[in-house]
Each structure stands twice: as structure tokens, then as C-alpha cells.
Amino acid sequence: MTRAARERRRDETEPDVSAELSASIDINAPAEQVFSVIADLKAMGKRSPQCKLMKVFGPVQEGTRSININRKGLLVWPTTAKVVRFEPGKALAFRINENRTVWTYELAESGGVTTVTETRRAPDGTSKVSSFLVDKFMGGTDDFDREMVEGMNQTLREIKAEVERG
């Protein structure tokens, strides 16, 4: 897709969508150990304030698919995802099909401490349906983005606690 086509597509979706949100945390453990916890996508429901369930089909690797249940207050909605990057000890990413966002966990180890950065990217904007729902039912883009970053920080704290407990 050409840059002009991406720009037109973005104009047809949501012009206000944040292209990238991220949060980071340092974990006192080697990257391989941290990655093994992150790659347990079935446990995401225990860690994330919004994603309550990830039903993963098969071993987690590039191409693995899942059905997810998300919740915000009384609002509950399903999504589907596909693992698009799987590099043990380095990175794991999955794409949410319904809104075209890509969630990535990148790991960088130094001296036995691993920095994990969780990022949500929407390089081509989100779908019209997603934009409508965020605007009408989730407080608008600014509030939703703020909640997403808070949720990322909570998820990362849960991962850190799980890894460091052993």
C-alpha cells in the first residue's frame, strides 16, 4: 500500500486515533524467563484490566490465533487476534483483527535486568466500528488512550510480580 493510500485509508477511519501508545518496566530477571511469562497468553486475563480472557488455539508461535473477551465496566466485547511476531527472549506481537491494532512486547536485557516495553500501534488507524465505539461508549480517544496506558502499566506490573515471585 502506498503512503498516499495509507493516508486516504487513515482519513476514512479515525483521524484522531493515537498511532502509538506504550509503557515500560524493568524486571529483575533474564529476558528468556520474562518472555516465557509474556508468551503465556492464556494468562492475559489475570494480568490485564481490559482483556479478561484469551482463548488460544495451539502453542503460541507466529500464526497462532485467539478469541478474546474484553470488558470495560458493563460493556463486554469479543475480539480475535493473530500472533504476528514471535522471537523468544526478544519480542511477541499480536494483531487484533477487529480494530487493526498491533500489541507488541519487546524485551531488552542488560546485566540480568530486562526492560519490557508494551506498545499498541495503529499504523493505519482503526476501523470505523472501533472508532465509533471508542467515541460513543468509551469516553473518546483521549480518555480511552489514557486508560489503555494505565492498563499497560498494570499489565506490566503483573508480569513483573509473576516473574520475580518465580
N, C-alpha and C. Protein backbone atom coordinates (compact mmCIF):
# COMPACT_ATOMS: atom_id res chain seq x y z
N MET A 1 0.85 -1.17 0.00
CA MET A 1 0.00 0.00 0.00
C MET A 1 0.91 1.24 0.00
N THR A 2 0.64 2.18 -0.89
CA THR A 2 1.45 3.39 -0.97
C THR A 2 1.16 4.30 0.21
N ARG A 3 2.06 5.23 0.46
CA ARG A 3 1.87 6.18 1.55
C ARG A 3 0.58 6.98 1.36
N ALA A 4 0.31 7.42 0.12
CA ALA A 4 -0.91 8.18 -0.16
C ALA A 4 -2.15 7.33 0.13
N ALA A 5 -2.09 6.05 -0.22
CA ALA A 5 -3.23 5.16 0.05
C ALA A 5 -3.43 4.98 1.55
N ARG A 6 -2.32 4.86 2.30
CA ARG A 6 -2.44 4.75 3.76
C ARG A 6 -3.05 6.02 4.34
N GLU A 7 -2.63 7.17 3.84
CA GLU A 7 -3.19 8.44 4.33
C GLU A 7 -4.67 8.52 4.03
N ARG A 8 -5.09 8.13 2.81
CA ARG A 8 -6.53 8.14 2.48
C ARG A 8 -7.28 7.17 3.38
N ARG A 9 -6.70 5.98 3.58
CA ARG A 9 -7.34 4.99 4.44
C ARG A 9 -7.48 5.53 5.85
N ARG A 10 -6.45 6.19 6.36
CA ARG A 10 -6.49 6.77 7.69
C ARG A 10 -7.60 7.82 7.76
N ASP A 11 -7.75 8.63 6.70
CA ASP A 11 -8.80 9.64 6.67
C ASP A 11 -10.18 9.00 6.69
N GLU A 12 -10.31 7.80 6.14
CA GLU A 12 -11.60 7.11 6.11
C GLU A 12 -11.90 6.41 7.43
N THR A 13 -10.91 6.28 8.31
CA THR A 13 -11.14 5.59 9.57
C THR A 13 -11.30 6.65 10.66
N GLU A 14 -10.31 6.84 11.50
CA GLU A 14 -10.41 7.84 12.55
C GLU A 14 -9.19 8.72 12.52
N PRO A 15 -9.36 9.99 12.21
CA PRO A 15 -8.21 10.87 12.11
C PRO A 15 -7.54 11.14 13.46
N ASP A 16 -8.27 10.98 14.57
CA ASP A 16 -7.73 11.32 15.88
C ASP A 16 -7.05 10.15 16.58
N VAL A 17 -7.06 8.95 15.98
CA VAL A 17 -6.51 7.79 16.67
C VAL A 17 -5.02 8.00 16.97
N SER A 18 -4.63 7.60 18.16
CA SER A 18 -3.23 7.68 18.52
C SER A 18 -2.49 6.56 17.80
N ALA A 19 -1.48 6.93 17.05
CA ALA A 19 -0.74 5.94 16.27
C ALA A 19 0.01 4.97 17.16
N GLU A 20 0.45 5.43 18.34
CA GLU A 20 1.24 4.56 19.20
C GLU A 20 1.08 4.96 20.66
N LEU A 21 0.89 3.94 21.49
CA LEU A 21 0.86 4.10 22.94
C LEU A 21 1.85 3.09 23.50
N SER A 22 2.56 3.45 24.58
CA SER A 22 3.49 2.47 25.14
C SER A 22 3.76 2.72 26.61
N ALA A 23 4.26 1.68 27.26
CA ALA A 23 4.67 1.73 28.66
C ALA A 23 5.81 0.73 28.83
N SER A 24 6.69 0.99 29.80
CA SER A 24 7.85 0.11 30.03
C SER A 24 8.02 -0.16 31.51
N ILE A 25 8.71 -1.26 31.79
CA ILE A 25 9.03 -1.62 33.17
C ILE A 25 10.33 -2.42 33.17
N ASP A 26 11.11 -2.32 34.24
CA ASP A 26 12.31 -3.13 34.42
C ASP A 26 11.97 -4.31 35.32
N ILE A 27 12.43 -5.49 34.92
CA ILE A 27 12.16 -6.71 35.67
C ILE A 27 13.49 -7.37 35.99
N ASN A 28 13.67 -7.75 37.25
CA ASN A 28 14.91 -8.35 37.71
C ASN A 28 14.94 -9.84 37.36
N ALA A 29 15.15 -10.10 36.08
CA ALA A 29 15.22 -11.48 35.60
C ALA A 29 15.75 -11.47 34.17
N PRO A 30 16.30 -12.59 33.72
CA PRO A 30 16.77 -12.68 32.33
C PRO A 30 15.60 -12.63 31.34
N ALA A 31 15.88 -12.17 30.14
CA ALA A 31 14.86 -12.00 29.12
C ALA A 31 14.12 -13.29 28.80
N GLU A 32 14.82 -14.42 28.75
CA GLU A 32 14.17 -15.70 28.44
C GLU A 32 13.09 -16.03 29.47
N GLN A 33 13.38 -15.77 30.74
CA GLN A 33 12.41 -16.05 31.81
C GLN A 33 11.20 -15.11 31.68
N VAL A 34 11.46 -13.85 31.41
CA VAL A 34 10.38 -12.87 31.24
C VAL A 34 9.53 -13.24 30.03
N PHE A 35 10.19 -13.61 28.94
CA PHE A 35 9.47 -13.95 27.72
C PHE A 35 8.53 -15.14 27.95
N SER A 36 8.97 -16.12 28.71
CA SER A 36 8.11 -17.29 28.93
C SER A 36 6.82 -16.92 29.64
N VAL A 37 6.86 -15.92 30.50
CA VAL A 37 5.64 -15.45 31.18
C VAL A 37 4.78 -14.68 30.19
N ILE A 38 5.38 -13.78 29.42
CA ILE A 38 4.62 -12.99 28.44
C ILE A 38 3.97 -13.89 27.40
N ALA A 39 4.68 -14.93 26.97
CA ALA A 39 4.17 -15.82 25.92
C ALA A 39 3.02 -16.71 26.40
N ASP A 40 2.75 -16.71 27.70
CA ASP A 40 1.60 -17.45 28.23
C ASP A 40 0.36 -16.56 28.06
N LEU A 41 -0.11 -16.47 26.81
CA LEU A 41 -1.23 -15.58 26.50
C LEU A 41 -2.52 -15.97 27.20
N LYS A 42 -2.66 -17.25 27.54
CA LYS A 42 -3.86 -17.69 28.26
C LYS A 42 -3.98 -16.99 29.61
N ALA A 43 -2.87 -16.55 30.17
CA ALA A 43 -2.87 -15.88 31.47
C ALA A 43 -3.14 -14.38 31.36
N MET A 44 -3.32 -13.87 30.15
CA MET A 44 -3.55 -12.43 29.97
C MET A 44 -4.75 -11.95 30.77
N GLY A 45 -5.77 -12.76 30.89
CA GLY A 45 -6.96 -12.37 31.64
C GLY A 45 -6.69 -12.08 33.10
N LYS A 46 -5.63 -12.66 33.67
CA LYS A 46 -5.25 -12.37 35.06
C LYS A 46 -4.46 -11.07 35.17
N ARG A 47 -3.84 -10.65 34.08
CA ARG A 47 -2.91 -9.52 34.12
C ARG A 47 -3.52 -8.22 33.64
N SER A 48 -4.40 -8.29 32.68
CA SER A 48 -4.91 -7.10 32.01
C SER A 48 -6.22 -6.63 32.62
N PRO A 49 -6.38 -5.32 32.82
CA PRO A 49 -7.65 -4.83 33.34
C PRO A 49 -8.77 -4.84 32.29
N GLN A 50 -8.42 -4.94 31.01
CA GLN A 50 -9.45 -4.92 29.97
C GLN A 50 -9.65 -6.28 29.33
N CYS A 51 -8.58 -6.95 28.96
CA CYS A 51 -8.69 -8.28 28.33
C CYS A 51 -8.92 -9.29 29.45
N LYS A 52 -10.10 -9.86 29.48
CA LYS A 52 -10.45 -10.78 30.57
C LYS A 52 -10.19 -12.24 30.22
N LEU A 53 -10.06 -12.55 28.92
CA LEU A 53 -9.82 -13.92 28.51
C LEU A 53 -9.16 -13.93 27.14
N MET A 54 -8.15 -14.77 26.98
CA MET A 54 -7.60 -15.09 25.67
C MET A 54 -7.67 -16.60 25.52
N LYS A 55 -8.53 -17.05 24.63
CA LYS A 55 -8.64 -18.47 24.30
C LYS A 55 -7.70 -18.70 23.13
N VAL A 56 -6.57 -19.33 23.41
CA VAL A 56 -5.51 -19.51 22.43
C VAL A 56 -5.64 -20.88 21.78
N PHE A 57 -5.53 -20.90 20.45
CA PHE A 57 -5.67 -22.14 19.70
C PHE A 57 -4.29 -22.64 19.28
N GLY A 58 -3.79 -23.61 20.03
CA GLY A 58 -2.49 -24.20 19.73
C GLY A 58 -1.37 -23.54 20.52
N PRO A 59 -0.16 -24.05 20.31
CA PRO A 59 1.00 -23.45 21.00
C PRO A 59 1.23 -22.03 20.48
N VAL A 60 1.71 -21.16 21.36
CA VAL A 60 1.95 -19.78 20.96
C VAL A 60 3.20 -19.72 20.09
N GLN A 61 3.01 -19.26 18.87
CA GLN A 61 4.07 -19.08 17.88
C GLN A 61 3.51 -18.16 16.82
N GLU A 62 4.33 -17.75 15.88
CA GLU A 62 3.82 -16.90 14.81
C GLU A 62 2.69 -17.62 14.08
N GLY A 63 1.57 -16.94 13.91
CA GLY A 63 0.41 -17.51 13.25
C GLY A 63 -0.67 -18.03 14.19
N THR A 64 -0.33 -18.20 15.47
CA THR A 64 -1.32 -18.67 16.44
C THR A 64 -2.47 -17.67 16.53
N ARG A 65 -3.68 -18.20 16.64
CA ARG A 65 -4.88 -17.35 16.72
C ARG A 65 -5.53 -17.48 18.10
N SER A 66 -6.28 -16.44 18.44
CA SER A 66 -7.02 -16.47 19.71
C SER A 66 -8.35 -15.75 19.56
N ILE A 67 -9.27 -16.11 20.45
CA ILE A 67 -10.50 -15.36 20.64
C ILE A 67 -10.39 -14.74 22.02
N ASN A 68 -10.72 -13.46 22.12
CA ASN A 68 -10.53 -12.72 23.36
C ASN A 68 -11.84 -12.11 23.82
N ILE A 69 -11.99 -12.01 25.13
CA ILE A 69 -13.14 -11.31 25.71
C ILE A 69 -12.60 -10.11 26.48
N ASN A 70 -13.13 -8.94 26.14
CA ASN A 70 -12.70 -7.69 26.75
C ASN A 70 -13.86 -7.09 27.53
N ARG A 71 -13.50 -6.30 28.55
CA ARG A 71 -14.54 -5.68 29.37
C ARG A 71 -14.09 -4.31 29.86
N LYS A 72 -15.03 -3.38 29.80
CA LYS A 72 -14.86 -2.07 30.41
C LYS A 72 -16.19 -1.73 31.05
N GLY A 73 -16.23 -1.74 32.38
CA GLY A 73 -17.48 -1.52 33.07
C GLY A 73 -18.49 -2.59 32.68
N LEU A 74 -19.67 -2.16 32.23
CA LEU A 74 -20.71 -3.10 31.83
C LEU A 74 -20.56 -3.54 30.37
N LEU A 75 -19.69 -2.88 29.64
CA LEU A 75 -19.50 -3.18 28.23
C LEU A 75 -18.56 -4.38 28.07
N VAL A 76 -19.02 -5.41 27.37
CA VAL A 76 -18.23 -6.61 27.12
C VAL A 76 -18.23 -6.85 25.61
N TRP A 77 -17.05 -7.15 25.03
CA TRP A 77 -16.99 -7.39 23.59
C TRP A 77 -15.89 -8.40 23.26
N PRO A 78 -16.14 -9.20 22.20
CA PRO A 78 -15.13 -10.16 21.77
C PRO A 78 -14.22 -9.56 20.70
N THR A 79 -13.01 -10.08 20.63
CA THR A 79 -12.10 -9.77 19.53
C THR A 79 -11.38 -11.07 19.15
N THR A 80 -10.72 -11.02 18.01
CA THR A 80 -9.88 -12.13 17.60
C THR A 80 -8.49 -11.57 17.32
N ALA A 81 -7.49 -12.42 17.50
CA ALA A 81 -6.11 -11.96 17.30
C ALA A 81 -5.29 -13.04 16.61
N LYS A 82 -4.17 -12.59 16.06
CA LYS A 82 -3.21 -13.49 15.43
C LYS A 82 -1.81 -13.04 15.84
N VAL A 83 -1.00 -13.98 16.30
CA VAL A 83 0.39 -13.67 16.64
C VAL A 83 1.13 -13.38 15.34
N VAL A 84 1.72 -12.18 15.27
CA VAL A 84 2.40 -11.75 14.04
C VAL A 84 3.93 -11.67 14.22
N ARG A 85 4.38 -11.82 15.45
CA ARG A 85 5.83 -11.80 15.72
C ARG A 85 6.08 -12.66 16.95
N PHE A 86 7.05 -13.57 16.85
CA PHE A 86 7.38 -14.45 17.94
C PHE A 86 8.88 -14.70 17.91
N GLU A 87 9.60 -13.97 18.75
CA GLU A 87 11.05 -14.09 18.84
C GLU A 87 11.41 -14.34 20.30
N PRO A 88 11.56 -15.61 20.70
CA PRO A 88 11.82 -15.92 22.10
C PRO A 88 12.95 -15.07 22.69
N GLY A 89 12.66 -14.51 23.86
CA GLY A 89 13.62 -13.67 24.56
C GLY A 89 13.71 -12.25 24.03
N LYS A 90 13.00 -11.95 22.93
CA LYS A 90 13.12 -10.63 22.32
C LYS A 90 11.79 -9.91 22.12
N ALA A 91 10.81 -10.58 21.50
CA ALA A 91 9.57 -9.87 21.18
C ALA A 91 8.42 -10.83 20.90
N LEU A 92 7.23 -10.38 21.23
CA LEU A 92 6.00 -11.07 20.91
C LEU A 92 4.98 -10.00 20.52
N ALA A 93 4.27 -10.22 19.41
CA ALA A 93 3.26 -9.25 18.98
C ALA A 93 2.05 -9.99 18.43
N PHE A 94 0.88 -9.41 18.67
CA PHE A 94 -0.34 -9.94 18.08
C PHE A 94 -1.18 -8.80 17.53
N ARG A 95 -1.91 -9.12 16.46
CA ARG A 95 -2.74 -8.13 15.78
C ARG A 95 -4.19 -8.43 16.11
N ILE A 96 -4.91 -7.39 16.56
CA ILE A 96 -6.34 -7.51 16.81
C ILE A 96 -7.05 -7.26 15.48
N ASN A 97 -7.76 -8.25 15.01
CA ASN A 97 -8.35 -8.17 13.68
C ASN A 97 -9.43 -7.10 13.57
N GLU A 98 -10.23 -6.94 14.60
CA GLU A 98 -11.38 -6.05 14.52
C GLU A 98 -11.00 -4.57 14.43
N ASN A 99 -9.91 -4.17 15.07
CA ASN A 99 -9.56 -2.74 15.04
C ASN A 99 -8.19 -2.46 14.40
N ARG A 100 -7.53 -3.50 13.92
CA ARG A 100 -6.25 -3.39 13.20
C ARG A 100 -5.09 -2.88 14.07
N THR A 101 -5.20 -2.99 15.37
CA THR A 101 -4.08 -2.58 16.22
C THR A 101 -3.13 -3.75 16.40
N VAL A 102 -1.87 -3.43 16.64
CA VAL A 102 -0.85 -4.44 16.92
C VAL A 102 -0.29 -4.16 18.31
N TRP A 103 -0.38 -5.17 19.15
CA TRP A 103 0.15 -5.10 20.52
C TRP A 103 1.47 -5.85 20.55
N THR A 104 2.53 -5.17 21.01
CA THR A 104 3.87 -5.75 20.99
C THR A 104 4.50 -5.67 22.38
N TYR A 105 5.19 -6.74 22.75
CA TYR A 105 6.03 -6.76 23.95
C TYR A 105 7.45 -6.94 23.45
N GLU A 106 8.31 -5.94 23.71
CA GLU A 106 9.72 -6.02 23.31
C GLU A 106 10.57 -6.07 24.57
N LEU A 107 11.59 -6.93 24.55
CA LEU A 107 12.44 -7.15 25.70
C LEU A 107 13.87 -6.77 25.38
N ALA A 108 14.53 -6.11 26.33
CA ALA A 108 15.95 -5.77 26.20
C ALA A 108 16.62 -6.05 27.54
N GLU A 109 17.57 -6.98 27.54
CA GLU A 109 18.24 -7.37 28.78
C GLU A 109 19.60 -6.71 28.92
N SER A 110 19.89 -6.28 30.14
CA SER A 110 21.21 -5.72 30.45
C SER A 110 21.53 -6.03 31.91
N GLY A 111 22.60 -6.77 32.13
CA GLY A 111 23.04 -7.07 33.49
C GLY A 111 22.01 -7.81 34.32
N GLY A 112 21.28 -8.72 33.72
CA GLY A 112 20.30 -9.50 34.46
C GLY A 112 18.97 -8.81 34.68
N VAL A 113 18.82 -7.59 34.18
CA VAL A 113 17.56 -6.85 34.27
C VAL A 113 16.99 -6.73 32.86
N THR A 114 15.71 -7.05 32.72
CA THR A 114 15.06 -6.99 31.42
C THR A 114 14.06 -5.84 31.40
N THR A 115 14.22 -4.96 30.45
CA THR A 115 13.24 -3.89 30.24
C THR A 115 12.22 -4.42 29.25
N VAL A 116 10.94 -4.36 29.66
CA VAL A 116 9.85 -4.79 28.79
C VAL A 116 9.07 -3.54 28.40
N THR A 117 8.88 -3.38 27.10
CA THR A 117 8.07 -2.28 26.58
C THR A 117 6.86 -2.87 25.89
N GLU A 118 5.69 -2.48 26.37
CA GLU A 118 4.43 -2.88 25.74
C GLU A 118 3.97 -1.72 24.89
N THR A 119 3.63 -1.99 23.64
CA THR A 119 3.25 -0.94 22.70
C THR A 119 1.99 -1.35 21.97
N ARG A 120 1.10 -0.38 21.80
CA ARG A 120 -0.07 -0.58 20.94
C ARG A 120 0.07 0.38 19.77
N ARG A 121 0.14 -0.20 18.57
CA ARG A 121 0.28 0.62 17.37
C ARG A 121 -0.97 0.49 16.51
N ALA A 122 -1.34 1.60 15.90
CA ALA A 122 -2.44 1.61 14.93
C ALA A 122 -1.93 2.37 13.71
N PRO A 123 -0.98 1.75 12.97
CA PRO A 123 -0.32 2.48 11.88
C PRO A 123 -1.25 2.93 10.76
N ASP A 124 -2.34 2.22 10.57
CA ASP A 124 -3.29 2.58 9.52
C ASP A 124 -4.61 3.07 10.10
N GLY A 125 -4.58 3.53 11.35
CA GLY A 125 -5.82 3.92 12.01
C GLY A 125 -6.57 2.69 12.45
N THR A 126 -7.76 2.90 13.00
CA THR A 126 -8.59 1.78 13.42
C THR A 126 -9.84 1.73 12.54
N SER A 127 -10.61 0.68 12.70
CA SER A 127 -11.82 0.53 11.89
C SER A 127 -12.86 1.57 12.28
N LYS A 128 -13.79 1.82 11.37
CA LYS A 128 -14.86 2.77 11.66
C LYS A 128 -15.69 2.31 12.85
N VAL A 129 -15.94 1.03 12.94
CA VAL A 129 -16.71 0.50 14.07
C VAL A 129 -15.97 0.75 15.37
N SER A 130 -14.68 0.47 15.41
CA SER A 130 -13.88 0.69 16.62
C SER A 130 -13.87 2.17 16.99
N SER A 131 -13.67 3.03 16.01
CA SER A 131 -13.65 4.47 16.26
C SER A 131 -14.98 4.94 16.84
N PHE A 132 -16.09 4.44 16.28
CA PHE A 132 -17.42 4.81 16.75
C PHE A 132 -17.61 4.37 18.20
N LEU A 133 -17.24 3.13 18.51
CA LEU A 133 -17.41 2.61 19.87
C LEU A 133 -16.57 3.39 20.88
N VAL A 134 -15.32 3.68 20.51
CA VAL A 134 -14.46 4.46 21.41
C VAL A 134 -15.07 5.83 21.66
N ASP A 135 -15.56 6.45 20.61
CA ASP A 135 -16.13 7.80 20.73
C ASP A 135 -17.42 7.80 21.54
N LYS A 136 -18.32 6.87 21.27
CA LYS A 136 -19.66 6.90 21.88
C LYS A 136 -19.79 6.16 23.20
N PHE A 137 -18.96 5.13 23.42
CA PHE A 137 -19.16 4.29 24.60
C PHE A 137 -17.95 4.19 25.53
N MET A 138 -16.80 4.71 25.09
CA MET A 138 -15.59 4.55 25.90
C MET A 138 -14.93 5.87 26.24
N GLY A 139 -15.66 6.96 26.14
CA GLY A 139 -15.16 8.25 26.60
C GLY A 139 -14.36 9.06 25.61
N GLY A 140 -14.24 8.60 24.37
CA GLY A 140 -13.47 9.33 23.37
C GLY A 140 -12.02 8.89 23.35
N THR A 141 -11.32 9.31 22.31
CA THR A 141 -9.95 8.85 22.09
C THR A 141 -9.01 9.22 23.23
N ASP A 142 -9.05 10.47 23.71
CA ASP A 142 -8.11 10.87 24.77
C ASP A 142 -8.30 10.05 26.03
N ASP A 143 -9.54 9.90 26.50
CA ASP A 143 -9.80 9.11 27.70
C ASP A 143 -9.46 7.64 27.49
N PHE A 144 -9.83 7.11 26.34
CA PHE A 144 -9.56 5.71 26.05
C PHE A 144 -8.05 5.45 26.00
N ASP A 145 -7.31 6.34 25.33
CA ASP A 145 -5.85 6.18 25.27
C ASP A 145 -5.23 6.25 26.66
N ARG A 146 -5.70 7.16 27.49
CA ARG A 146 -5.19 7.28 28.86
C ARG A 146 -5.44 5.97 29.62
N GLU A 147 -6.65 5.42 29.47
CA GLU A 147 -6.97 4.14 30.12
C GLU A 147 -6.12 3.01 29.56
N MET A 148 -5.84 3.04 28.27
CA MET A 148 -5.00 2.00 27.67
C MET A 148 -3.59 2.02 28.28
N VAL A 149 -3.01 3.21 28.44
CA VAL A 149 -1.67 3.31 29.01
C VAL A 149 -1.69 2.88 30.48
N GLU A 150 -2.72 3.29 31.22
CA GLU A 150 -2.85 2.83 32.61
C GLU A 150 -2.94 1.30 32.65
N GLY A 151 -3.71 0.73 31.73
CA GLY A 151 -3.84 -0.72 31.66
C GLY A 151 -2.54 -1.41 31.29
N MET A 152 -1.78 -0.81 30.39
CA MET A 152 -0.46 -1.35 30.03
C MET A 152 0.44 -1.39 31.26
N ASN A 153 0.45 -0.29 32.01
CA ASN A 153 1.27 -0.24 33.22
C ASN A 153 0.84 -1.30 34.23
N GLN A 154 -0.47 -1.48 34.39
CA GLN A 154 -0.95 -2.51 35.31
C GLN A 154 -0.54 -3.90 34.83
N THR A 155 -0.70 -4.16 33.54
CA THR A 155 -0.31 -5.46 32.97
C THR A 155 1.18 -5.72 33.18
N LEU A 156 2.00 -4.71 32.93
CA LEU A 156 3.45 -4.87 33.12
C LEU A 156 3.80 -5.11 34.59
N ARG A 157 3.11 -4.42 35.50
CA ARG A 157 3.35 -4.67 36.94
C ARG A 157 2.99 -6.11 37.31
N GLU A 158 1.91 -6.62 36.73
CA GLU A 158 1.50 -8.01 37.00
C GLU A 158 2.54 -8.99 36.45
N ILE A 159 3.03 -8.73 35.25
CA ILE A 159 4.07 -9.58 34.67
C ILE A 159 5.32 -9.56 35.54
N LYS A 160 5.74 -8.38 35.97
CA LYS A 160 6.92 -8.22 36.83
C LYS A 160 6.75 -9.02 38.12
N ALA A 161 5.59 -8.88 38.76
CA ALA A 161 5.34 -9.59 40.01
C ALA A 161 5.38 -11.10 39.80
N GLU A 162 4.78 -11.57 38.72
CA GLU A 162 4.76 -13.00 38.43
C GLU A 162 6.17 -13.52 38.19
N VAL A 163 6.97 -12.80 37.41
CA VAL A 163 8.34 -13.24 37.10
C VAL A 163 9.19 -13.23 38.36
N GLU A 164 9.13 -12.14 39.12
CA GLU A 164 10.01 -12.00 40.27
C GLU A 164 9.62 -12.89 41.44
N ARG A 165 8.35 -13.34 41.48
CA ARG A 165 7.92 -14.33 42.50
C ARG A 165 8.53 -15.68 42.18
N GLY A 166 8.79 -15.90 40.89
CA GLY A 166 9.38 -17.17 40.48
C GLY A 166 8.34 -18.16 40.27
